Amino acid sequence: MKSPLMAIQNTHRPPSPSTTLPPNHSRRQIAFTTPENYAARLSHLLRLKNWDPLWCPTVIVEPTPQTKSSLLLHLSPPNPNSNSKSSLESFSAIAFTSRTGISAFSQALETAVKPPLLPYGDVFTISALGRDSELLNDAFVDRICENRERIRVLVPKISTPGGIVAALGFGGGRKVLCPVPLVVGLEEPSVVPNFLRELESNGWVAVRVDGYETRWAGRECAAEVAARVVRGGGGEGVLDAVVFTSTAEVEGMLKSLEEYGLDWGLVKGRLPELVVAAHGPVTAAGAERLGVGVDVVSERFGSFEGVVEALALRWK
């Protein structure tokens, strides 16, 4: 294991998701660990508070040829040249727990020979959380079924996987397709297995499909955070907060810090005023399980505005 000072000399930070501005050290310095597809949105919200965002993505989240093939198995008929139905016709619902899952599914739909659902049949439910549901627009629905009247878009009031289970109601033996991440190089957070178990307990036959891949961003992903920890607080480059939006991001941060000879106890020892903010109770519970104490949890977690406002309230 390298010493923090020697290791950090040979690292670099990732590019900013938005226009890079020189840090103003009189303003709050906020590290956040979201993957690239969420980074610009959260960075913008932090800047609106006159804070300096520090983007340190600790996981990479994206579809792969393998996950695309897994999705297409459900979207294409066994014989594309026949009138046979796609396997999606045997389902009653799709449950999306992330924006990336919707995007990956949409990309797979673009290469499907025809809409996987027939224009007639029972109502088919598509569920998504909070702002993620913005991606379930008319164009998305049209690629699934030519008859929009057959599709019901369901957005639970509580933006958690458990909220989806409650909103779907009793399954009665019906099938629900769950495009979830294939986790590589990290421990799979309990949120997905718990979600599938809750669906099963509520009478659904939950079918898991690898919709995209979540993997560690590599040993250098927390380099800038580690550098600031080594410098310590009270001077230029202080770190005021770190925002986590998933349990995988927390594990990715810890795994990278370990590469620099640091653990979370050392981080808090060097930066005692550092505030840890979690996007929702699921992320908070995952962070606590990994030994990272959470100071701020957003009560409104349908969008990132909730965690940003909760952080602002902490410093009011």
Protein backbone atom coordinates (compact mmCIF):
# COMPACT_ATOMS: atom_id res chain seq x y z
CA MET A 1 0.00 0.00 0.00
CA LYS A 2 1.43 3.38 -1.04
CA SER A 3 1.70 6.28 1.35
CA PRO A 4 -0.92 8.95 0.65
CA LEU A 5 1.62 11.65 -0.26
CA MET A 6 3.62 9.51 -2.70
CA ALA A 7 0.56 8.02 -4.36
CA ILE A 8 -1.32 11.26 -4.89
CA GLN A 9 1.57 12.89 -6.77
CA ASN A 10 0.88 10.66 -9.77
CA THR A 11 -2.87 11.03 -10.03
CA HIS A 12 -5.24 13.25 -11.94
CA ARG A 13 -8.84 14.30 -11.50
CA PRO A 14 -11.53 13.60 -14.10
CA PRO A 15 -12.78 16.43 -16.31
CA SER A 16 -15.65 18.50 -14.99
CA PRO A 17 -19.10 17.60 -16.32
CA SER A 18 -19.65 21.26 -17.11
CA THR A 19 -17.49 24.25 -17.91
CA THR A 20 -14.44 24.12 -15.66
CA LEU A 21 -13.99 27.19 -13.49
CA PRO A 22 -11.11 27.95 -11.12
CA PRO A 23 -12.17 27.05 -7.57
CA ASN A 24 -13.05 29.96 -5.31
CA HIS A 25 -11.80 28.83 -1.91
CA SER A 26 -14.00 31.35 -0.11
CA ARG A 27 -16.96 29.23 -1.23
CA ARG A 28 -18.05 25.80 -0.08
CA GLN A 29 -16.18 22.95 -1.76
CA ILE A 30 -18.54 20.03 -2.44
CA ALA A 31 -17.31 16.68 -3.73
CA PHE A 32 -19.87 14.44 -5.41
CA THR A 33 -19.45 10.93 -6.73
CA THR A 34 -22.25 10.45 -9.25
CA PRO A 35 -21.51 8.71 -12.55
CA GLU A 36 -21.27 10.80 -15.69
CA ASN A 37 -24.91 10.55 -16.76
CA TYR A 38 -26.03 12.40 -13.60
CA ALA A 39 -23.02 14.66 -13.08
CA ALA A 40 -23.98 17.75 -15.07
CA ARG A 41 -27.38 17.97 -13.36
CA LEU A 42 -26.01 17.77 -9.83
CA SER A 43 -23.07 20.05 -10.63
CA HIS A 44 -25.50 22.70 -11.90
CA LEU A 45 -27.59 22.53 -8.73
CA LEU A 46 -24.49 22.92 -6.56
CA ARG A 47 -23.35 25.97 -8.54
CA LEU A 48 -26.78 27.55 -8.10
CA LYS A 49 -25.97 27.58 -4.36
CA ASN A 50 -22.71 29.41 -5.15
CA TRP A 51 -20.74 26.31 -4.15
CA ASP A 52 -17.78 24.84 -6.02
CA PRO A 53 -18.52 21.30 -7.26
CA LEU A 54 -15.73 18.75 -7.24
CA TRP A 55 -16.69 15.82 -9.47
CA CYS A 56 -15.11 12.54 -8.34
CA PRO A 57 -17.02 9.74 -10.09
CA THR A 58 -16.32 6.51 -8.23
CA VAL A 59 -18.40 4.21 -10.42
CA ILE A 60 -18.92 3.86 -14.17
CA VAL A 61 -22.50 3.10 -15.15
CA GLU A 62 -23.24 2.19 -18.77
CA PRO A 63 -24.78 -0.44 -21.03
CA THR A 64 -22.46 -2.99 -22.62
CA PRO A 65 -22.91 -5.36 -25.59
CA GLN A 66 -23.60 -8.12 -23.07
CA THR A 67 -26.35 -6.23 -21.25
CA LYS A 68 -27.88 -5.04 -24.53
CA SER A 69 -28.10 -8.66 -25.69
CA SER A 70 -29.79 -9.59 -22.40
CA LEU A 71 -32.45 -6.93 -22.95
CA LEU A 72 -33.01 -7.87 -26.60
CA LEU A 73 -33.89 -11.41 -25.58
CA HIS A 74 -37.06 -9.95 -24.08
CA LEU A 75 -37.75 -7.47 -26.88
CA SER A 76 -37.44 -9.60 -29.98
CA PRO A 77 -39.52 -12.60 -31.07
CA PRO A 78 -37.68 -15.95 -31.16
CA ASN A 79 -37.89 -15.84 -34.96
CA PRO A 80 -37.80 -12.26 -36.31
CA ASN A 81 -39.22 -13.43 -39.66
CA SER A 82 -42.30 -15.00 -38.11
CA ASN A 83 -45.43 -13.59 -36.49
CA SER A 84 -44.43 -14.98 -33.09
CA LYS A 85 -44.70 -12.73 -30.06
CA SER A 86 -41.78 -11.30 -28.11
CA SER A 87 -41.29 -12.64 -24.62
CA LEU A 88 -42.31 -9.23 -23.26
CA GLU A 89 -45.93 -10.19 -24.06
CA SER A 90 -45.79 -12.67 -21.18
CA PHE A 91 -45.14 -9.79 -18.75
CA SER A 92 -47.58 -7.34 -17.19
CA ALA A 93 -45.10 -4.66 -16.14
CA ILE A 94 -41.57 -3.26 -16.29
CA ALA A 95 -40.07 -1.75 -13.13
CA PHE A 96 -37.20 0.70 -13.63
CA THR A 97 -35.21 1.63 -10.53
CA SER A 98 -32.77 4.00 -12.29
CA ARG A 99 -32.49 6.47 -15.13
CA THR A 100 -29.67 4.43 -16.64
CA GLY A 101 -31.94 1.40 -16.81
CA ILE A 102 -34.48 3.38 -18.86
CA SER A 103 -31.79 4.74 -21.18
CA ALA A 104 -30.30 1.29 -21.75
CA PHE A 105 -33.74 -0.19 -22.42
CA SER A 106 -34.49 2.63 -24.86
CA GLN A 107 -31.25 1.97 -26.75
CA ALA A 108 -32.12 -1.71 -27.02
CA LEU A 109 -35.61 -0.81 -28.29
CA GLU A 110 -34.06 1.22 -31.12
CA THR A 111 -32.49 -1.94 -32.55
CA ALA A 112 -35.56 -4.16 -32.07
CA VAL A 113 -37.19 -5.24 -35.33
CA LYS A 114 -40.63 -3.97 -34.25
CA PRO A 115 -42.40 -2.85 -31.05
CA PRO A 116 -42.28 -5.80 -28.67
CA LEU A 117 -45.91 -5.40 -27.54
CA LEU A 118 -48.90 -5.94 -29.79
CA PRO A 119 -51.35 -3.02 -30.10
CA TYR A 120 -54.04 -5.07 -28.37
CA GLY A 121 -54.01 -6.90 -25.05
CA ASP A 122 -54.12 -6.23 -21.31
CA VAL A 123 -52.89 -2.93 -19.90
CA PHE A 124 -49.10 -2.96 -19.55
CA THR A 125 -47.53 -0.92 -16.71
CA ILE A 126 -44.16 0.84 -16.88
CA SER A 127 -42.93 2.24 -13.56
CA ALA A 128 -40.07 4.62 -12.82
CA LEU A 129 -38.89 6.83 -9.97
CA GLY A 130 -39.22 10.61 -9.70
CA ARG A 131 -37.54 12.62 -12.44
CA ASP A 132 -36.44 9.39 -14.14
CA SER A 133 -40.00 9.09 -15.41
CA GLU A 134 -39.34 12.05 -17.74
CA LEU A 135 -37.67 9.53 -20.06
CA LEU A 136 -40.93 7.57 -20.36
CA ASN A 137 -42.18 10.00 -22.99
CA ASP A 138 -44.36 9.38 -26.05
CA ALA A 139 -41.37 8.37 -28.19
CA PHE A 140 -40.36 5.75 -25.63
CA VAL A 141 -43.90 4.39 -25.36
CA ASP A 142 -44.29 4.28 -29.16
CA ARG A 143 -41.21 2.08 -29.43
CA ILE A 144 -42.75 -0.41 -27.00
CA CYS A 145 -46.31 -0.46 -28.38
CA GLU A 146 -48.07 1.23 -31.29
CA ASN A 147 -51.17 1.65 -29.12
CA ARG A 148 -50.40 4.15 -26.36
CA GLU A 149 -53.73 3.38 -24.70
CA ARG A 150 -52.38 -0.03 -23.74
CA ILE A 151 -49.50 1.51 -21.72
CA ARG A 152 -49.85 2.86 -18.19
CA VAL A 153 -46.94 4.93 -16.83
CA LEU A 154 -46.73 4.62 -13.05
CA VAL A 155 -44.69 7.02 -10.89
CA PRO A 156 -44.87 6.17 -7.17
CA LYS A 157 -45.31 8.98 -4.65
CA ILE A 158 -42.32 7.67 -2.69
CA SER A 159 -39.25 7.55 -4.95
CA THR A 160 -37.75 4.29 -3.71
CA PRO A 161 -37.84 0.73 -5.03
CA GLY A 162 -40.22 -0.05 -2.18
CA GLY A 163 -42.42 2.75 -3.48
CA ILE A 164 -42.63 0.97 -6.83
CA VAL A 165 -43.67 -2.26 -5.09
CA ALA A 166 -46.43 -0.45 -3.20
CA ALA A 167 -47.65 1.39 -6.31
CA LEU A 168 -47.77 -1.77 -8.42
CA GLY A 169 -49.99 -3.47 -5.85
CA PHE A 170 -50.62 -7.20 -5.62
CA GLY A 171 -49.17 -9.13 -8.52
CA GLY A 172 -51.42 -12.17 -8.45
CA GLY A 173 -48.78 -14.29 -10.13
CA ARG A 174 -48.13 -11.83 -12.95
CA LYS A 175 -44.61 -11.22 -14.26
CA VAL A 176 -42.64 -7.98 -13.92
CA LEU A 177 -39.40 -7.35 -15.81
CA CYS A 178 -36.71 -5.64 -13.71
CA PRO A 179 -33.77 -4.14 -15.68
CA VAL A 180 -31.13 -3.73 -12.97
CA PRO A 181 -27.34 -3.29 -12.94
CA LEU A 182 -24.79 -6.03 -13.31
CA VAL A 183 -22.30 -5.01 -10.61
CA VAL A 184 -18.65 -5.67 -11.46
CA GLY A 185 -15.70 -5.27 -9.08
CA LEU A 186 -17.90 -4.08 -6.22
CA GLU A 187 -20.22 -5.76 -3.75
CA GLU A 188 -23.78 -5.63 -5.01
CA PRO A 189 -25.75 -3.29 -2.75
CA SER A 190 -28.72 -4.89 -1.00
CA VAL A 191 -31.22 -2.56 -2.66
CA VAL A 192 -31.78 -4.72 -5.77
CA PRO A 193 -32.06 -8.12 -4.02
CA ASN A 194 -34.38 -6.53 -1.45
CA PHE A 195 -36.48 -4.99 -4.24
CA LEU A 196 -36.88 -8.35 -5.99
CA ARG A 197 -37.81 -10.05 -2.72
CA GLU A 198 -40.43 -7.40 -1.97
CA LEU A 199 -41.99 -7.89 -5.39
CA GLU A 200 -42.11 -11.64 -4.87
CA SER A 201 -43.68 -11.15 -1.43
CA ASN A 202 -46.34 -8.97 -3.07
CA GLY A 203 -47.39 -11.70 -5.48
CA TRP A 204 -45.24 -10.78 -8.49
CA VAL A 205 -42.95 -13.06 -10.44
CA ALA A 206 -39.92 -10.75 -10.61
CA VAL A 207 -37.62 -11.47 -13.56
CA ARG A 208 -34.21 -9.90 -13.23
CA VAL A 209 -32.36 -8.82 -16.39
CA ASP A 210 -28.92 -7.19 -16.58
CA GLY A 211 -29.87 -3.84 -18.08
CA TYR A 212 -26.50 -2.14 -17.73
CA GLU A 213 -23.19 -2.48 -15.91
CA THR A 214 -22.00 -0.73 -12.76
CA ARG A 215 -18.26 -1.03 -12.11
CA TRP A 216 -15.60 0.64 -10.04
CA ALA A 217 -14.08 3.70 -11.70
CA GLY A 218 -10.56 2.66 -10.70
CA ARG A 219 -7.91 3.35 -8.09
CA GLU A 220 -7.52 7.06 -8.94
CA CYS A 221 -11.20 8.01 -8.75
CA ALA A 222 -10.87 9.50 -5.25
CA ALA A 223 -7.46 11.08 -5.89
CA GLU A 224 -8.62 14.67 -5.42
CA VAL A 225 -10.46 13.84 -2.20
CA ALA A 226 -7.41 11.96 -0.91
CA ALA A 227 -5.17 14.93 -1.75
CA ARG A 228 -7.35 17.29 0.24
CA VAL A 229 -7.49 14.87 3.15
CA VAL A 230 -3.68 14.74 3.21
CA ARG A 231 -3.50 18.56 3.17
CA GLY A 232 -6.05 18.69 5.96
CA GLY A 233 -8.68 21.30 6.71
CA GLY A 234 -8.41 24.94 7.58
CA GLY A 235 -6.50 26.05 4.50
CA GLU A 236 -6.87 26.49 0.79
CA GLY A 237 -8.57 23.54 -0.85
CA VAL A 238 -10.65 22.53 2.15
CA LEU A 239 -13.45 20.07 1.47
CA ASP A 240 -16.76 21.00 3.08
CA ALA A 241 -19.00 18.12 2.03
CA VAL A 242 -19.26 14.95 -0.02
CA VAL A 243 -22.52 13.93 -1.65
CA PHE A 244 -23.28 10.26 -2.36
CA THR A 245 -26.23 9.23 -4.53
CA SER A 246 -25.83 5.44 -4.32
CA THR A 247 -24.26 2.81 -2.09
CA ALA A 248 -21.97 1.68 -4.92
CA GLU A 249 -20.49 5.18 -5.03
CA VAL A 250 -19.65 4.96 -1.34
CA GLU A 251 -17.90 1.62 -1.77
CA GLY A 252 -16.03 2.97 -4.81
CA MET A 253 -14.80 5.94 -2.77
CA LEU A 254 -13.62 3.74 0.10
CA LYS A 255 -11.89 1.34 -2.27
CA SER A 256 -9.99 4.20 -3.92
CA LEU A 257 -9.06 5.84 -0.63
CA GLU A 258 -7.61 2.53 0.51
CA GLU A 259 -5.24 2.68 -2.46
CA TYR A 260 -3.83 5.85 -0.91
CA GLY A 261 -3.49 4.40 2.56
CA LEU A 262 -6.61 6.10 3.86
CA ASP A 263 -9.79 4.86 5.50
CA TRP A 264 -12.90 6.81 6.48
CA GLY A 265 -11.72 7.21 10.06
CA LEU A 266 -8.59 8.99 8.82
CA VAL A 267 -10.68 11.16 6.49
CA LYS A 268 -12.89 12.36 9.34
CA GLY A 269 -9.88 12.80 11.58
CA ARG A 270 -8.20 15.12 9.08
CA LEU A 271 -11.43 16.86 8.04
CA PRO A 272 -13.61 16.83 11.17
CA GLU A 273 -16.06 19.39 9.76
CA LEU A 274 -16.69 17.37 6.60
CA VAL A 275 -20.43 16.84 6.05
CA VAL A 276 -21.60 13.61 4.42
CA ALA A 277 -24.86 13.96 2.49
CA ALA A 278 -26.88 11.03 1.10
CA HIS A 279 -29.50 11.15 -1.63
CA GLY A 280 -32.34 9.36 0.13
CA PRO A 281 -32.61 6.78 2.91
CA VAL A 282 -31.52 3.82 0.78
CA THR A 283 -28.16 5.43 0.04
CA ALA A 284 -27.84 6.55 3.65
CA ALA A 285 -28.42 3.03 4.97
CA GLY A 286 -25.88 1.62 2.53
CA ALA A 287 -23.27 4.19 3.55
CA GLU A 288 -23.80 3.49 7.24
CA ARG A 289 -23.44 -0.25 6.59
CA LEU A 290 -20.06 0.46 4.99
CA GLY A 291 -18.91 2.50 7.99
CA VAL A 292 -19.50 5.98 6.57
CA GLY A 293 -21.58 8.07 8.95
CA VAL A 294 -24.19 10.23 7.22
CA ASP A 295 -24.95 13.74 8.48
CA VAL A 296 -27.60 14.81 5.98
CA VAL A 297 -30.30 12.71 4.28
CA SER A 298 -32.65 14.25 1.74
CA GLU A 299 -36.32 13.84 2.58
CA ARG A 300 -37.27 14.66 -1.01
CA PHE A 301 -35.37 12.18 -3.11
CA GLY A 302 -37.33 12.18 -6.34
CA SER A 303 -34.64 14.54 -7.68
CA PHE A 304 -31.26 15.92 -6.63
CA GLU A 305 -32.81 19.19 -5.50
CA GLY A 306 -33.73 17.40 -2.27
CA VAL A 307 -30.19 16.54 -1.19
CA VAL A 308 -28.87 19.97 -2.23
CA GLU A 309 -31.57 21.74 -0.21
CA ALA A 310 -30.95 19.46 2.78
CA LEU A 311 -27.26 20.35 2.64
CA ALA A 312 -28.04 24.05 2.45
CA LEU A 313 -30.34 23.73 5.46
CA ARG A 314 -27.50 22.10 7.42
CA TRP A 315 -25.39 25.24 7.02
CA LYS A 316 -28.19 27.77 7.51
